[in-house]
Amino acid sequence: MLVYKILLPAEWAEFESTGRFDGSPFDRSSGFIHCSSREQVGATAMRVFEHEPALVVVALDAQMLGESVRWEDAPNGGPFPHVYADLPLSAVAAVYSVPGASSVDEALPPVAHG
């Protein structure tokens, strides 16, 4: 299963260069890294990153993250995958450069129904 993390281009550049991501300032203040399921990622992008001109969405292998992933209810459509550890570059399964939040859903593979 894949979970998705929306990053600013500078955050992705740092993730790539250091080999790990310890969260945005908001993640760190929350005590975990906020991620989304495929079904949630487009709405999350619009809610949180609506005015950003460019985004990078990384697909993470939840199995590689192991027990650090917890599905927890959130006020806006949970449960969401929260990661209670740094994200290692080795868990990144795919990277999508996206021209703004409204393009996230069309840039990623379709939502699997079944």
PDB file of N, CA and C in Angstrom:
ATOM      1  N   MET A   1       0.833  -1.177   0.000  1.00  0.00           N
ATOM      2  CA  MET A   1       0.000   0.000   0.000  1.00  0.00           C
ATOM      3  C   MET A   1       0.881   1.245   0.000  1.00  0.00           C
ATOM      4  N   LEU A   2       0.421   2.242  -0.755  1.00  0.00           N
ATOM      5  CA  LEU A   2       1.151   3.503  -0.812  1.00  0.00           C
ATOM      6  C   LEU A   2       0.414   4.571  -0.009  1.00  0.00           C
ATOM      7  N   VAL A   3       1.188   5.422   0.652  1.00  0.00           N
ATOM      8  CA  VAL A   3       0.657   6.639   1.264  1.00  0.00           C
ATOM      9  C   VAL A   3       1.426   7.796   0.632  1.00  0.00           C
ATOM     10  N   TYR A   4       0.837   8.975   0.687  1.00  0.00           N
ATOM     11  CA  TYR A   4       1.376  10.103  -0.058  1.00  0.00           C
ATOM     12  C   TYR A   4       1.710  11.263   0.868  1.00  0.00           C
ATOM     13  N   LYS A   5       2.852  11.888   0.617  1.00  0.00           N
ATOM     14  CA  LYS A   5       3.289  13.072   1.345  1.00  0.00           C
ATOM     15  C   LYS A   5       3.448  14.197   0.337  1.00  0.00           C
ATOM     16  N   ILE A   6       2.801  15.311   0.612  1.00  0.00           N
ATOM     17  CA  ILE A   6       2.897  16.493  -0.249  1.00  0.00           C
ATOM     18  C   ILE A   6       4.022  17.372   0.297  1.00  0.00           C
ATOM     19  N   LEU A   7       4.950  17.711  -0.574  1.00  0.00           N
ATOM     20  CA  LEU A   7       6.114  18.510  -0.177  1.00  0.00           C
ATOM     21  C   LEU A   7       6.223  19.759  -1.042  1.00  0.00           C
ATOM     22  N   LEU A   8       6.838  20.773  -0.487  1.00  0.00           N
ATOM     23  CA  LEU A   8       7.258  21.908  -1.299  1.00  0.00           C
ATOM     24  C   LEU A   8       8.535  21.503  -2.034  1.00  0.00           C
ATOM     25  N   PRO A   9       8.804  22.067  -3.201  1.00  0.00           N
ATOM     26  CA  PRO A   9      10.008  21.674  -3.941  1.00  0.00           C
ATOM     27  C   PRO A   9      11.288  21.755  -3.100  1.00  0.00           C
ATOM     28  N   ALA A  10      11.423  22.763  -2.254  1.00  0.00           N
ATOM     29  CA  ALA A  10      12.631  22.878  -1.423  1.00  0.00           C
ATOM     30  C   ALA A  10      12.712  21.745  -0.403  1.00  0.00           C
ATOM     31  N   GLU A  11      11.548  21.303   0.109  1.00  0.00           N
ATOM     32  CA  GLU A  11      11.547  20.172   1.049  1.00  0.00           C
ATOM     33  C   GLU A  11      11.979  18.893   0.346  1.00  0.00           C
ATOM     34  N   TRP A  12      11.514  18.692  -0.890  1.00  0.00           N
ATOM     35  CA  TRP A  12      11.918  17.506  -1.642  1.00  0.00           C
ATOM     36  C   TRP A  12      13.420  17.543  -1.942  1.00  0.00           C
ATOM     37  N   ALA A  13      13.936  18.707  -2.300  1.00  0.00           N
ATOM     38  CA  ALA A  13      15.368  18.832  -2.585  1.00  0.00           C
ATOM     39  C   ALA A  13      16.180  18.450  -1.350  1.00  0.00           C
ATOM     40  N   GLU A  14      15.745  18.893  -0.185  1.00  0.00           N
ATOM     41  CA  GLU A  14      16.446  18.547   1.050  1.00  0.00           C
ATOM     42  C   GLU A  14      16.303  17.051   1.358  1.00  0.00           C
ATOM     43  N   PHE A  15      15.121  16.494   1.157  1.00  0.00           N
ATOM     44  CA  PHE A  15      14.854  15.059   1.356  1.00  0.00           C
ATOM     45  C   PHE A  15      15.811  14.259   0.476  1.00  0.00           C
ATOM     46  N   GLU A  16      15.903  14.634  -0.790  1.00  0.00           N
ATOM     47  CA  GLU A  16      16.793  13.921  -1.723  1.00  0.00           C
ATOM     48  C   GLU A  16      18.247  14.016  -1.306  1.00  0.00           C
ATOM     49  N   SER A  17      18.676  15.196  -0.881  1.00  0.00           N
ATOM     50  CA  SER A  17      20.096  15.382  -0.572  1.00  0.00           C
ATOM     51  C   SER A  17      20.497  14.734   0.749  1.00  0.00           C
ATOM     52  N   THR A  18      19.586  14.708   1.723  1.00  0.00           N
ATOM     53  CA  THR A  18      19.925  14.132   3.032  1.00  0.00           C
ATOM     54  C   THR A  18      19.536  12.660   3.154  1.00  0.00           C
ATOM     55  N   GLY A  19      18.633  12.208   2.277  1.00  0.00           N
ATOM     56  CA  GLY A  19      18.198  10.816   2.337  1.00  0.00           C
ATOM     57  C   GLY A  19      17.114  10.549   3.365  1.00  0.00           C
ATOM     58  N   ARG A  20      16.592  11.623   3.964  1.00  0.00           N
ATOM     59  CA  ARG A  20      15.517  11.452   4.941  1.00  0.00           C
ATOM     60  C   ARG A  20      14.738  12.757   5.053  1.00  0.00           C
ATOM     61  N   PHE A  21      13.511  12.641   5.560  1.00  0.00           N
ATOM     62  CA  PHE A  21      12.672  13.814   5.779  1.00  0.00           C
ATOM     63  C   PHE A  21      12.101  13.722   7.180  1.00  0.00           C
ATOM     64  N   ASP A  22      12.392  14.738   7.987  1.00  0.00           N
ATOM     65  CA  ASP A  22      11.917  14.695   9.376  1.00  0.00           C
ATOM     66  C   ASP A  22      10.685  15.561   9.584  1.00  0.00           C
ATOM     67  N   GLY A  23      10.058  15.987   8.498  1.00  0.00           N
ATOM     68  CA  GLY A  23       8.791  16.694   8.585  1.00  0.00           C
ATOM     69  C   GLY A  23       8.902  18.179   8.349  1.00  0.00           C
ATOM     70  N   SER A  24       7.776  18.741   7.961  1.00  0.00           N
ATOM     71  CA  SER A  24       7.652  20.190   7.814  1.00  0.00           C
ATOM     72  C   SER A  24       7.518  20.793   9.213  1.00  0.00           C
ATOM     73  N   PRO A  25       7.578  22.102   9.325  1.00  0.00           N
ATOM     74  CA  PRO A  25       7.343  22.702  10.646  1.00  0.00           C
ATOM     75  C   PRO A  25       5.998  22.267  11.244  1.00  0.00           C
ATOM     76  N   PHE A  26       4.954  22.171  10.422  1.00  0.00           N
ATOM     77  CA  PHE A  26       3.648  21.719  10.911  1.00  0.00           C
ATOM     78  C   PHE A  26       3.709  20.275  11.391  1.00  0.00           C
ATOM     79  N   ASP A  27       4.386  19.410  10.620  1.00  0.00           N
ATOM     80  CA  ASP A  27       4.546  18.010  11.046  1.00  0.00           C
ATOM     81  C   ASP A  27       5.238  17.952  12.407  1.00  0.00           C
ATOM     82  N   ARG A  28       6.325  18.669  12.528  1.00  0.00           N
ATOM     83  CA  ARG A  28       7.095  18.610  13.780  1.00  0.00           C
ATOM     84  C   ARG A  28       6.276  19.125  14.958  1.00  0.00           C
ATOM     85  N   SER A  29       5.454  20.165  14.731  1.00  0.00           N
ATOM     86  CA  SER A  29       4.621  20.671  15.824  1.00  0.00           C
ATOM     87  C   SER A  29       3.505  19.687  16.173  1.00  0.00           C
ATOM     88  N   SER A  30       3.108  18.849  15.221  1.00  0.00           N
ATOM     89  CA  SER A  30       2.074  17.841  15.471  1.00  0.00           C
ATOM     90  C   SER A  30       2.627  16.592  16.144  1.00  0.00           C
ATOM     91  N   GLY A  31       3.936  16.363  16.002  1.00  0.00           N
ATOM     92  CA  GLY A  31       4.548  15.169  16.575  1.00  0.00           C
ATOM     93  C   GLY A  31       4.538  13.967  15.641  1.00  0.00           C
ATOM     94  N   PHE A  32       4.143  14.174  14.400  1.00  0.00           N
ATOM     95  CA  PHE A  32       4.148  13.105  13.392  1.00  0.00           C
ATOM     96  C   PHE A  32       4.136  13.750  12.017  1.00  0.00           C
ATOM     97  N   ILE A  33       4.420  12.944  10.984  1.00  0.00           N
ATOM     98  CA  ILE A  33       4.404  13.436   9.609  1.00  0.00           C
ATOM     99  C   ILE A  33       3.041  13.131   9.005  1.00  0.00           C
ATOM    100  N   HIS A  34       2.365  14.184   8.577  1.00  0.00           N
ATOM    101  CA  HIS A  34       1.038  14.064   7.974  1.00  0.00           C
ATOM    102  C   HIS A  34       1.163  13.480   6.569  1.00  0.00           C
ATOM    103  N   CYS A  35       0.448  12.414   6.304  1.00  0.00           N
ATOM    104  CA  CYS A  35       0.379  11.837   4.968  1.00  0.00           C
ATOM    105  C   CYS A  35      -1.084  11.655   4.594  1.00  0.00           C
ATOM    106  N   SER A  36      -1.331  11.207   3.382  1.00  0.00           N
ATOM    107  CA  SER A  36      -2.686  10.994   2.884  1.00  0.00           C
ATOM    108  C   SER A  36      -2.741   9.688   2.125  1.00  0.00           C
ATOM    109  N   SER A  37      -3.935   9.104   2.071  1.00  0.00           N
ATOM    110  CA  SER A  37      -4.165   7.987   1.162  1.00  0.00           C
ATOM    111  C   SER A  37      -4.319   8.554  -0.238  1.00  0.00           C
ATOM    112  N   ARG A  38      -4.365   7.692  -1.245  1.00  0.00           N
ATOM    113  CA  ARG A  38      -4.552   8.168  -2.625  1.00  0.00           C
ATOM    114  C   ARG A  38      -5.885   8.908  -2.741  1.00  0.00           C
ATOM    115  N   GLU A  39      -6.904   8.405  -2.058  1.00  0.00           N
ATOM    116  CA  GLU A  39      -8.223   9.037  -2.121  1.00  0.00           C
ATOM    117  C   GLU A  39      -8.222  10.423  -1.469  1.00  0.00           C
ATOM    118  N   GLN A  40      -7.339  10.651  -0.509  1.00  0.00           N
ATOM    119  CA  GLN A  40      -7.336  11.896   0.263  1.00  0.00           C
ATOM    120  C   GLN A  40      -6.384  12.957  -0.274  1.00  0.00           C
ATOM    121  N   VAL A  41      -5.391  12.571  -1.047  1.00  0.00           N
ATOM    122  CA  VAL A  41      -4.278  13.475  -1.343  1.00  0.00           C
ATOM    123  C   VAL A  41      -4.692  14.716  -2.139  1.00  0.00           C
ATOM    124  N   GLY A  42      -5.614  14.585  -3.071  1.00  0.00           N
ATOM    125  CA  GLY A  42      -6.043  15.745  -3.852  1.00  0.00           C
ATOM    126  C   GLY A  42      -6.726  16.792  -2.986  1.00  0.00           C
ATOM    127  N   ALA A  43      -7.631  16.348  -2.122  1.00  0.00           N
ATOM    128  CA  ALA A  43      -8.334  17.271  -1.224  1.00  0.00           C
ATOM    129  C   ALA A  43      -7.365  17.887  -0.216  1.00  0.00           C
ATOM    130  N   THR A  44      -6.413  17.092   0.262  1.00  0.00           N
ATOM    131  CA  THR A  44      -5.408  17.618   1.188  1.00  0.00           C
ATOM    132  C   THR A  44      -4.596  18.713   0.508  1.00  0.00           C
ATOM    133  N   ALA A  45      -4.203  18.487  -0.733  1.00  0.00           N
ATOM    134  CA  ALA A  45      -3.424  19.488  -1.471  1.00  0.00           C
ATOM    135  C   ALA A  45      -4.207  20.791  -1.587  1.00  0.00           C
ATOM    136  N   MET A  46      -5.477  20.699  -1.924  1.00  0.00           N
ATOM    137  CA  MET A  46      -6.286  21.912  -2.075  1.00  0.00           C
ATOM    138  C   MET A  46      -6.473  22.620  -0.735  1.00  0.00           C
ATOM    139  N   ARG A  47      -6.643  21.862   0.328  1.00  0.00           N
ATOM    140  CA  ARG A  47      -6.896  22.451   1.641  1.00  0.00           C
ATOM    141  C   ARG A  47      -5.644  23.120   2.212  1.00  0.00           C
ATOM    142  N   VAL A  48      -4.480  22.495   2.025  1.00  0.00           N
ATOM    143  CA  VAL A  48      -3.271  22.958   2.705  1.00  0.00           C
ATOM    144  C   VAL A  48      -2.339  23.754   1.787  1.00  0.00           C
ATOM    145  N   PHE A  49      -2.322  23.409   0.502  1.00  0.00           N
ATOM    146  CA  PHE A  49      -1.318  23.977  -0.409  1.00  0.00           C
ATOM    147  C   PHE A  49      -1.945  24.721  -1.587  1.00  0.00           C
ATOM    148  N   GLU A  50      -3.158  25.213  -1.411  1.00  0.00           N
ATOM    149  CA  GLU A  50      -3.913  25.810  -2.516  1.00  0.00           C
ATOM    150  C   GLU A  50      -3.158  26.915  -3.244  1.00  0.00           C
ATOM    151  N   HIS A  51      -2.369  27.701  -2.537  1.00  0.00           N
ATOM    152  CA  HIS A  51      -1.717  28.855  -3.158  1.00  0.00           C
ATOM    153  C   HIS A  51      -0.263  28.613  -3.552  1.00  0.00           C
ATOM    154  N   GLU A  52       0.203  27.374  -3.420  1.00  0.00           N
ATOM    155  CA  GLU A  52       1.585  27.067  -3.804  1.00  0.00           C
ATOM    156  C   GLU A  52       1.664  26.843  -5.316  1.00  0.00           C
ATOM    157  N   PRO A  53       2.647  27.455  -5.999  1.00  0.00           N
ATOM    158  CA  PRO A  53       2.735  27.317  -7.457  1.00  0.00           C
ATOM    159  C   PRO A  53       3.272  25.969  -7.928  1.00  0.00           C
ATOM    160  N   ALA A  54       3.963  25.241  -7.056  1.00  0.00           N
ATOM    161  CA  ALA A  54       4.515  23.940  -7.451  1.00  0.00           C
ATOM    162  C   ALA A  54       4.608  23.062  -6.209  1.00  0.00           C
ATOM    163  N   LEU A  55       4.329  21.780  -6.416  1.00  0.00           N
ATOM    164  CA  LEU A  55       4.394  20.810  -5.330  1.00  0.00           C
ATOM    165  C   LEU A  55       5.107  19.566  -5.816  1.00  0.00           C
ATOM    166  N   VAL A  56       5.597  18.794  -4.872  1.00  0.00           N
ATOM    167  CA  VAL A  56       6.134  17.469  -5.160  1.00  0.00           C
ATOM    168  C   VAL A  56       5.362  16.500  -4.269  1.00  0.00           C
ATOM    169  N   VAL A  57       4.767  15.494  -4.896  1.00  0.00           N
ATOM    170  CA  VAL A  57       4.045  14.475  -4.136  1.00  0.00           C
ATOM    171  C   VAL A  57       4.859  13.200  -4.208  1.00  0.00           C
ATOM    172  N   VAL A  58       5.209  12.666  -3.034  1.00  0.00           N
ATOM    173  CA  VAL A  58       5.947  11.413  -3.009  1.00  0.00           C
ATOM    174  C   VAL A  58       5.019  10.299  -2.550  1.00  0.00           C
ATOM    175  N   ALA A  59       5.101   9.193  -3.268  1.00  0.00           N
ATOM    176  CA  ALA A  59       4.386   7.981  -2.886  1.00  0.00           C
ATOM    177  C   ALA A  59       5.339   7.153  -2.037  1.00  0.00           C
ATOM    178  N   LEU A  60       4.873   6.784  -0.858  1.00  0.00           N
ATOM    179  CA  LEU A  60       5.704   6.053   0.103  1.00  0.00           C
ATOM    180  C   LEU A  60       5.155   4.649   0.302  1.00  0.00           C
ATOM    181  N   ASP A  61       6.050   3.698   0.355  1.00  0.00           N
ATOM    182  CA  ASP A  61       5.682   2.309   0.606  1.00  0.00           C
ATOM    183  C   ASP A  61       5.398   2.159   2.103  1.00  0.00           C
ATOM    184  N   ALA A  62       4.108   2.067   2.450  1.00  0.00           N
ATOM    185  CA  ALA A  62       3.729   2.000   3.868  1.00  0.00           C
ATOM    186  C   ALA A  62       4.304   0.758   4.545  1.00  0.00           C
ATOM    187  N   GLN A  63       4.481  -0.312   3.804  1.00  0.00           N
ATOM    188  CA  GLN A  63       5.040  -1.530   4.382  1.00  0.00           C
ATOM    189  C   GLN A  63       6.487  -1.300   4.843  1.00  0.00           C
ATOM    190  N   MET A  64       7.244  -0.518   4.058  1.00  0.00           N
ATOM    191  CA  MET A  64       8.625  -0.215   4.459  1.00  0.00           C
ATOM    192  C   MET A  64       8.675   0.679   5.697  1.00  0.00           C
ATOM    193  N   LEU A  65       7.638   1.499   5.884  1.00  0.00           N
ATOM    194  CA  LEU A  65       7.583   2.364   7.061  1.00  0.00           C
ATOM    195  C   LEU A  65       7.153   1.592   8.306  1.00  0.00           C
ATOM    196  N   GLY A  66       6.537   0.436   8.074  1.00  0.00           N
ATOM    197  CA  GLY A  66       6.211  -0.469   9.170  1.00  0.00           C
ATOM    198  C   GLY A  66       5.249   0.121  10.187  1.00  0.00           C
ATOM    199  N   GLU A  67       5.544  -0.158  11.449  1.00  0.00           N
ATOM    200  CA  GLU A  67       4.643   0.217  12.524  1.00  0.00           C
ATOM    201  C   GLU A  67       4.671   1.707  12.843  1.00  0.00           C
ATOM    202  N   SER A  68       5.535   2.475  12.180  1.00  0.00           N
ATOM    203  CA  SER A  68       5.533   3.923  12.407  1.00  0.00           C
ATOM    204  C   SER A  68       4.316   4.588  11.762  1.00  0.00           C
ATOM    205  N   VAL A  69       3.605   3.856  10.863  1.00  0.00           N
ATOM    206  CA  VAL A  69       2.394   4.395  10.235  1.00  0.00           C
ATOM    207  C   VAL A  69       1.194   4.026  11.101  1.00  0.00           C
ATOM    208  N   ARG A  70       0.446   5.042  11.484  1.00  0.00           N
ATOM    209  CA  ARG A  70      -0.787   4.813  12.245  1.00  0.00           C
ATOM    210  C   ARG A  70      -1.922   5.548  11.537  1.00  0.00           C
ATOM    211  N   TRP A  71      -3.018   4.831  11.308  1.00  0.00           N
ATOM    212  CA  TRP A  71      -4.201   5.441  10.692  1.00  0.00           C
ATOM    213  C   TRP A  71      -5.040   6.025  11.806  1.00  0.00           C
ATOM    214  N   GLU A  72      -5.138   7.360  11.802  1.00  0.00           N
ATOM    215  CA  GLU A  72      -5.806   8.047  12.898  1.00  0.00           C
ATOM    216  C   GLU A  72      -6.855   9.018  12.364  1.00  0.00           C
ATOM    217  N   ASP A  73      -7.950   9.124  13.103  1.00  0.00           N
ATOM    218  CA  ASP A  73      -9.011  10.051  12.710  1.00  0.00           C
ATOM    219  C   ASP A  73      -8.513  11.484  12.769  1.00  0.00           C
ATOM    220  N   ALA A  74      -9.007  12.272  11.836  1.00  0.00           N
ATOM    221  CA  ALA A  74      -8.698  13.699  11.792  1.00  0.00           C
ATOM    222  C   ALA A  74     -10.012  14.426  11.552  1.00  0.00           C
ATOM    223  N   PRO A  75     -10.098  15.700  11.928  1.00  0.00           N
ATOM    224  CA  PRO A  75     -11.358  16.407  11.789  1.00  0.00           C
ATOM    225  C   PRO A  75     -11.830  16.556  10.341  1.00  0.00           C
ATOM    226  N   ASN A  76     -10.919  16.449   9.388  1.00  0.00           N
ATOM    227  CA  ASN A  76     -11.302  16.675   7.985  1.00  0.00           C
ATOM    228  C   ASN A  76     -11.183  15.420   7.147  1.00  0.00           C
ATOM    229  N   GLY A  77     -11.920  14.383   7.504  1.00  0.00           N
ATOM    230  CA  GLY A  77     -12.019  13.233   6.628  1.00  0.00           C
ATOM    231  C   GLY A  77     -11.097  12.080   6.935  1.00  0.00           C
ATOM    232  N   GLY A  78     -10.810  11.822   8.181  1.00  0.00           N
ATOM    233  CA  GLY A  78      -9.937  10.709   8.535  1.00  0.00           C
ATOM    234  C   GLY A  78     -10.609   9.381   8.313  1.00  0.00           C
ATOM    235  N   PRO A  79      -9.926   8.292   8.593  1.00  0.00           N
ATOM    236  CA  PRO A  79      -8.578   8.284   9.160  1.00  0.00           C
ATOM    237  C   PRO A  79      -7.487   8.567   8.114  1.00  0.00           C
ATOM    238  N   PHE A  80      -6.486   9.281   8.574  1.00  0.00           N
ATOM    239  CA  PHE A  80      -5.329   9.614   7.746  1.00  0.00           C
ATOM    240  C   PHE A  80      -4.116   8.826   8.226  1.00  0.00           C
ATOM    241  N   PRO A  81      -3.183   8.515   7.310  1.00  0.00           N
ATOM    242  CA  PRO A  81      -1.933   7.879   7.738  1.00  0.00           C
ATOM    243  C   PRO A  81      -0.982   8.919   8.332  1.00  0.00           C
ATOM    244  N   HIS A  82      -0.627   8.713   9.572  1.00  0.00           N
ATOM    245  CA  HIS A  82       0.351   9.560  10.262  1.00  0.00           C
ATOM    246  C   HIS A  82       1.595   8.728  10.494  1.00  0.00           C
ATOM    247  N   VAL A  83       2.765   9.297  10.219  1.00  0.00           N
ATOM    248  CA  VAL A  83       4.019   8.555  10.340  1.00  0.00           C
ATOM    249  C   VAL A  83       4.798   9.116  11.529  1.00  0.00           C
ATOM    250  N   TYR A  84       5.065   8.243  12.496  1.00  0.00           N
ATOM    251  CA  TYR A  84       5.763   8.623  13.720  1.00  0.00           C
ATOM    252  C   TYR A  84       7.242   8.255  13.632  1.00  0.00           C
ATOM    253  N   ALA A  85       7.877   8.695  12.552  1.00  0.00           N
ATOM    254  CA  ALA A  85       9.308   8.476  12.337  1.00  0.00           C
ATOM    255  C   ALA A  85       9.719   9.341  11.148  1.00  0.00           C
ATOM    256  N   ASP A  86      11.009   9.538  10.982  1.00  0.00           N
ATOM    257  CA  ASP A  86      11.494  10.204   9.779  1.00  0.00           C
ATOM    258  C   ASP A  86      11.170   9.341   8.566  1.00  0.00           C
ATOM    259  N   LEU A  87      10.981   9.979   7.442  1.00  0.00           N
ATOM    260  CA  LEU A  87      10.762   9.239   6.199  1.00  0.00           C
ATOM    261  C   LEU A  87      12.110   8.965   5.541  1.00  0.00           C
ATOM    262  N   PRO A  88      12.450   7.694   5.310  1.00  0.00           N
ATOM    263  CA  PRO A  88      13.706   7.399   4.607  1.00  0.00           C
ATOM    264  C   PRO A  88      13.497   7.469   3.095  1.00  0.00           C
ATOM    265  N   LEU A  89      14.497   7.921   2.389  1.00  0.00           N
ATOM    266  CA  LEU A  89      14.415   7.994   0.935  1.00  0.00           C
ATOM    267  C   LEU A  89      14.141   6.604   0.340  1.00  0.00           C
ATOM    268  N   SER A  90      14.603   5.566   1.004  1.00  0.00           N
ATOM    269  CA  SER A  90      14.401   4.207   0.504  1.00  0.00           C
ATOM    270  C   SER A  90      12.928   3.802   0.457  1.00  0.00           C
ATOM    271  N   ALA A  91      12.050   4.502   1.196  1.00  0.00           N
ATOM    272  CA  ALA A  91      10.617   4.178   1.189  1.00  0.00           C
ATOM    273  C   ALA A  91       9.868   4.874   0.057  1.00  0.00           C
ATOM    274  N   VAL A  92      10.549   5.774  -0.678  1.00  0.00           N
ATOM    275  CA  VAL A  92       9.881   6.502  -1.761  1.00  0.00           C
ATOM    276  C   VAL A  92       9.741   5.585  -2.973  1.00  0.00           C
ATOM    277  N   ALA A  93       8.479   5.333  -3.352  1.00  0.00           N
ATOM    278  CA  ALA A  93       8.197   4.454  -4.480  1.00  0.00           C
ATOM    279  C   ALA A  93       8.037   5.229  -5.785  1.00  0.00           C
ATOM    280  N   ALA A  94       7.617   6.494  -5.691  1.00  0.00           N
ATOM    281  CA  ALA A  94       7.424   7.321  -6.885  1.00  0.00           C
ATOM    282  C   ALA A  94       7.416   8.787  -6.465  1.00  0.00           C
ATOM    283  N   VAL A  95       7.766   9.649  -7.420  1.00  0.00           N
ATOM    284  CA  VAL A  95       7.819  11.089  -7.174  1.00  0.00           C
ATOM    285  C   VAL A  95       7.066  11.781  -8.311  1.00  0.00           C
ATOM    286  N   TYR A  96       6.188  12.696  -7.945  1.00  0.00           N
ATOM    287  CA  TYR A  96       5.391  13.429  -8.933  1.00  0.00           C
ATOM    288  C   TYR A  96       5.598  14.924  -8.724  1.00  0.00           C
ATOM    289  N   SER A  97       6.125  15.604  -9.738  1.00  0.00           N
ATOM    290  CA  SER A  97       6.214  17.063  -9.702  1.00  0.00           C
ATOM    291  C   SER A  97       4.909  17.592 -10.270  1.00  0.00           C
ATOM    292  N   VAL A  98       4.260  18.471  -9.511  1.00  0.00           N
ATOM    293  CA  VAL A  98       2.904  18.883  -9.839  1.00  0.00           C
ATOM    294  C   VAL A  98       2.832  20.407  -9.895  1.00  0.00           C
ATOM    295  N   PRO A  99       2.220  20.961 -10.950  1.00  0.00           N
ATOM    296  CA  PRO A  99       2.108  22.417 -11.064  1.00  0.00           C
ATOM    297  C   PRO A  99       0.925  22.964 -10.270  1.00  0.00           C
ATOM    298  N   GLY A 100       0.975  22.815  -8.956  1.00  0.00           N
ATOM    299  CA  GLY A 100      -0.068  23.369  -8.105  1.00  0.00           C
ATOM    300  C   GLY A 100      -1.053  22.339  -7.607  1.00  0.00           C
ATOM    301  N   ALA A 101      -1.745  22.712  -6.534  1.00  0.00           N
ATOM    302  CA  ALA A 101      -2.624  21.783  -5.821  1.00  0.00           C
ATOM    303  C   ALA A 101      -3.761  21.244  -6.678  1.00  0.00           C
ATOM    304  N   SER A 102      -4.313  22.055  -7.558  1.00  0.00           N
ATOM    305  CA  SER A 102      -5.462  21.604  -8.348  1.00  0.00           C
ATOM    306  C   SER A 102      -5.083  20.520  -9.353  1.00  0.00           C
ATOM    307  N   SER A 103      -3.788  20.313  -9.576  1.00  0.00           N
ATOM    308  CA  SER A 103      -3.335  19.309 -10.545  1.00  0.00           C
ATOM    309  C   SER A 103      -2.937  17.980  -9.903  1.00  0.00           C
ATOM    310  N   VAL A 104      -3.009  17.873  -8.576  1.00  0.00           N
ATOM    311  CA  VAL A 104      -2.515  16.671  -7.905  1.00  0.00           C
ATOM    312  C   VAL A 104      -3.260  15.426  -8.366  1.00  0.00           C
ATOM    313  N   ASP A 105      -4.588  15.445  -8.338  1.00  0.00           N
ATOM    314  CA  ASP A 105      -5.328  14.224  -8.672  1.00  0.00           C
ATOM    315  C   ASP A 105      -5.063  13.749 -10.086  1.00  0.00           C
ATOM    316  N   GLU A 106      -4.934  14.680 -11.041  1.00  0.00           N
ATOM    317  CA  GLU A 106      -4.700  14.243 -12.425  1.00  0.00           C
ATOM    318  C   GLU A 106      -3.251  13.813 -12.657  1.00  0.00           C
ATOM    319  N   ALA A 107      -2.320  14.257 -11.819  1.00  0.00           N
ATOM    320  CA  ALA A 107      -0.918  13.909 -12.000  1.00  0.00           C
ATOM    321  C   ALA A 107      -0.561  12.528 -11.454  1.00  0.00           C
ATOM    322  N   LEU A 108      -1.360  12.053 -10.499  1.00  0.00           N
ATOM    323  CA  LEU A 108      -1.100  10.753  -9.874  1.00  0.00           C
ATOM    324  C   LEU A 108      -1.882   9.657 -10.572  1.00  0.00           C
ATOM    325  N   PRO A 109      -1.453   8.405 -10.382  1.00  0.00           N
ATOM    326  CA  PRO A 109      -2.244   7.296 -10.939  1.00  0.00           C
ATOM    327  C   PRO A 109      -3.677   7.360 -10.392  1.00  0.00           C
ATOM    328  N   PRO A 110      -4.634   6.852 -11.144  1.00  0.00           N
ATOM    329  CA  PRO A 110      -6.028   6.937 -10.687  1.00  0.00           C
ATOM    330  C   PRO A 110      -6.240   6.195  -9.368  1.00  0.00           C
ATOM    331  N   VAL A 111      -7.262   6.628  -8.677  1.00  0.00           N
ATOM    332  CA  VAL A 111      -7.667   5.958  -7.435  1.00  0.00           C
ATOM    333  C   VAL A 111      -8.133   4.563  -7.803  1.00  0.00           C
ATOM    334  N   ALA A 112      -7.634   3.568  -7.093  1.00  0.00           N
ATOM    335  CA  ALA A 112      -8.055   2.185  -7.341  1.00  0.00           C
ATOM    336  C   ALA A 112      -9.356   1.926  -6.594  1.00  0.00           C
ATOM    337  N   HIS A 113     -10.345   1.485  -7.313  1.00  0.00           N
ATOM    338  CA  HIS A 113     -11.616   1.123  -6.683  1.00  0.00           C
ATOM    339  C   HIS A 113     -11.744  -0.387  -6.710  1.00  0.00           C
ATOM    340  N   GLY A 114     -12.221  -0.949  -5.613  1.00  0.00           N
ATOM    341  CA  GLY A 114     -12.360  -2.394  -5.669  1.00  0.00           C
ATOM    342  C   GLY A 114     -12.554  -3.051  -4.391  1.00  0.00           C
TER     343      GLY A 114
END
